[in-house]
Amino acid sequence: MMASVHYFGMISEKLHKQTELIEIDNSMDSIDLKAFFNSLYPELKSTVYTIAVNQEVMKVAPKGMHISEIALLPPFAGG
């Protein structure tokens, strides 16, 4: 299945892109999202970030989950 991936802040700057479509094989057992993106983009291995799938923060996408949107979010400062 094709998923829309959005990159924000320093992640977007490192990858030189804000969005792209990627193929996700959701027939596999659960998907370790950090491992997936770190293997796709090795420059992210030393980067701290959170992943949201369909606007829900998660580390692992369960088998068979319909994934339409993924966001890689850098740490946010707040007050």
C-alpha atoms as a PDB file:
ATOM      1  CA  MET A   1       0.000   0.000   0.000  1.00  0.00           C
ATOM      2  CA  MET A   2       1.162   3.549  -0.667  1.00  0.00           C
ATOM      3  CA  ALA A   3       1.437   5.911   2.288  1.00  0.00           C
ATOM      4  CA  SER A   4       1.992   9.648   2.332  1.00  0.00           C
ATOM      5  CA  VAL A   5       4.992  10.491   4.534  1.00  0.00           C
ATOM      6  CA  HIS A   6       5.530  13.983   5.940  1.00  0.00           C
ATOM      7  CA  TYR A   7       8.852  15.169   7.352  1.00  0.00           C
ATOM      8  CA  PHE A   8       9.055  18.148   9.704  1.00  0.00           C
ATOM      9  CA  GLY A   9      11.729  20.497  11.063  1.00  0.00           C
ATOM     10  CA  MET A  10      15.294  19.214  11.180  1.00  0.00           C
ATOM     11  CA  ILE A  11      14.216  15.878   9.692  1.00  0.00           C
ATOM     12  CA  SER A  12      12.948  17.642   6.580  1.00  0.00           C
ATOM     13  CA  GLU A  13      16.193  19.610   6.428  1.00  0.00           C
ATOM     14  CA  LYS A  14      18.355  16.463   6.725  1.00  0.00           C
ATOM     15  CA  LEU A  15      16.421  14.611   4.023  1.00  0.00           C
ATOM     16  CA  HIS A  16      15.900  17.649   1.764  1.00  0.00           C
ATOM     17  CA  LYS A  17      12.207  16.858   1.381  1.00  0.00           C
ATOM     18  CA  GLN A  18       8.942  17.585   3.126  1.00  0.00           C
ATOM     19  CA  THR A  19       6.777  14.796   1.790  1.00  0.00           C
ATOM     20  CA  GLU A  20       6.858  11.666  -0.349  1.00  0.00           C
ATOM     21  CA  LEU A  21       4.855   8.552  -1.146  1.00  0.00           C
ATOM     22  CA  ILE A  22       6.361   5.244  -0.031  1.00  0.00           C
ATOM     23  CA  GLU A  23       5.316   1.623  -0.373  1.00  0.00           C
ATOM     24  CA  ILE A  24       4.450  -0.081   2.924  1.00  0.00           C
ATOM     25  CA  ASP A  25       4.066  -3.860   3.039  1.00  0.00           C
ATOM     26  CA  ASN A  26       1.460  -4.315   5.754  1.00  0.00           C
ATOM     27  CA  SER A  27       1.211  -8.056   5.152  1.00  0.00           C
ATOM     28  CA  MET A  28       4.360  -8.560   7.236  1.00  0.00           C
ATOM     29  CA  ASP A  29       4.169  -9.026  10.965  1.00  0.00           C
ATOM     30  CA  SER A  30       4.202  -5.749  12.864  1.00  0.00           C
ATOM     31  CA  ILE A  31       6.450  -3.018  11.448  1.00  0.00           C
ATOM     32  CA  ASP A  32       9.083  -1.434  13.693  1.00  0.00           C
ATOM     33  CA  LEU A  33       8.715   2.071  12.306  1.00  0.00           C
ATOM     34  CA  LYS A  34      12.033   3.509  13.551  1.00  0.00           C
ATOM     35  CA  ALA A  35      13.956   0.547  12.136  1.00  0.00           C
ATOM     36  CA  PHE A  36      12.085   0.934   8.841  1.00  0.00           C
ATOM     37  CA  PHE A  37      12.918   4.650   8.467  1.00  0.00           C
ATOM     38  CA  ASN A  38      16.472   4.275   9.826  1.00  0.00           C
ATOM     39  CA  SER A  39      17.175   1.628   7.179  1.00  0.00           C
ATOM     40  CA  LEU A  40      15.543   3.752   4.480  1.00  0.00           C
ATOM     41  CA  TYR A  41      17.468   6.871   5.578  1.00  0.00           C
ATOM     42  CA  PRO A  42      20.656   5.990   7.544  1.00  0.00           C
ATOM     43  CA  GLU A  43      21.203   9.688   8.316  1.00  0.00           C
ATOM     44  CA  LEU A  44      18.242   9.451  10.737  1.00  0.00           C
ATOM     45  CA  LYS A  45      19.936   6.880  12.992  1.00  0.00           C
ATOM     46  CA  SER A  46      21.439   9.587  15.227  1.00  0.00           C
ATOM     47  CA  THR A  47      18.303  11.752  15.150  1.00  0.00           C
ATOM     48  CA  VAL A  48      15.687  11.854  17.903  1.00  0.00           C
ATOM     49  CA  TYR A  49      12.182  11.782  16.455  1.00  0.00           C
ATOM     50  CA  THR A  50       8.661  10.510  17.025  1.00  0.00           C
ATOM     51  CA  ILE A  51       6.488   8.778  14.453  1.00  0.00           C
ATOM     52  CA  ALA A  52       2.759   9.299  14.037  1.00  0.00           C
ATOM     53  CA  VAL A  53       0.686   6.933  11.895  1.00  0.00           C
ATOM     54  CA  ASN A  54      -2.734   8.191  10.835  1.00  0.00           C
ATOM     55  CA  GLN A  55      -2.265  10.979  13.439  1.00  0.00           C
ATOM     56  CA  GLU A  56      -1.560   8.552  16.300  1.00  0.00           C
ATOM     57  CA  VAL A  57       1.915   8.333  17.849  1.00  0.00           C
ATOM     58  CA  MET A  58       3.254   4.780  17.737  1.00  0.00           C
ATOM     59  CA  LYS A  59       6.510   2.830  17.589  1.00  0.00           C
ATOM     60  CA  VAL A  60       5.165  -0.323  15.967  1.00  0.00           C
ATOM     61  CA  ALA A  61       2.450  -0.603  13.331  1.00  0.00           C
ATOM     62  CA  PRO A  62       0.476  -3.818  13.787  1.00  0.00           C
ATOM     63  CA  LYS A  63       0.111  -6.354  10.995  1.00  0.00           C
ATOM     64  CA  GLY A  64      -2.648  -5.461   8.542  1.00  0.00           C
ATOM     65  CA  MET A  65      -3.037  -1.854   9.715  1.00  0.00           C
ATOM     66  CA  HIS A  66      -4.242   0.489   6.984  1.00  0.00           C
ATOM     67  CA  ILE A  67      -1.566   3.191   6.864  1.00  0.00           C
ATOM     68  CA  SER A  68      -2.494   6.251   4.851  1.00  0.00           C
ATOM     69  CA  GLU A  69      -0.301   8.887   6.485  1.00  0.00           C
ATOM     70  CA  ILE A  70       2.955   8.872   8.428  1.00  0.00           C
ATOM     71  CA  ALA A  71       4.633  11.876  10.035  1.00  0.00           C
ATOM     72  CA  LEU A  72       8.201  12.012  11.358  1.00  0.00           C
ATOM     73  CA  LEU A  73       8.252  14.613  14.098  1.00  0.00           C
ATOM     74  CA  PRO A  74      11.354  16.135  15.690  1.00  0.00           C
ATOM     75  CA  PRO A  75      11.365  17.037  19.392  1.00  0.00           C
ATOM     76  CA  PHE A  76       9.286  20.139  20.048  1.00  0.00           C
ATOM     77  CA  ALA A  77      10.211  22.881  22.501  1.00  0.00           C
ATOM     78  CA  GLY A  78       7.419  24.309  24.523  1.00  0.00           C
ATOM     79  CA  GLY A  79       6.594  26.301  27.535  1.00  0.00           C
END
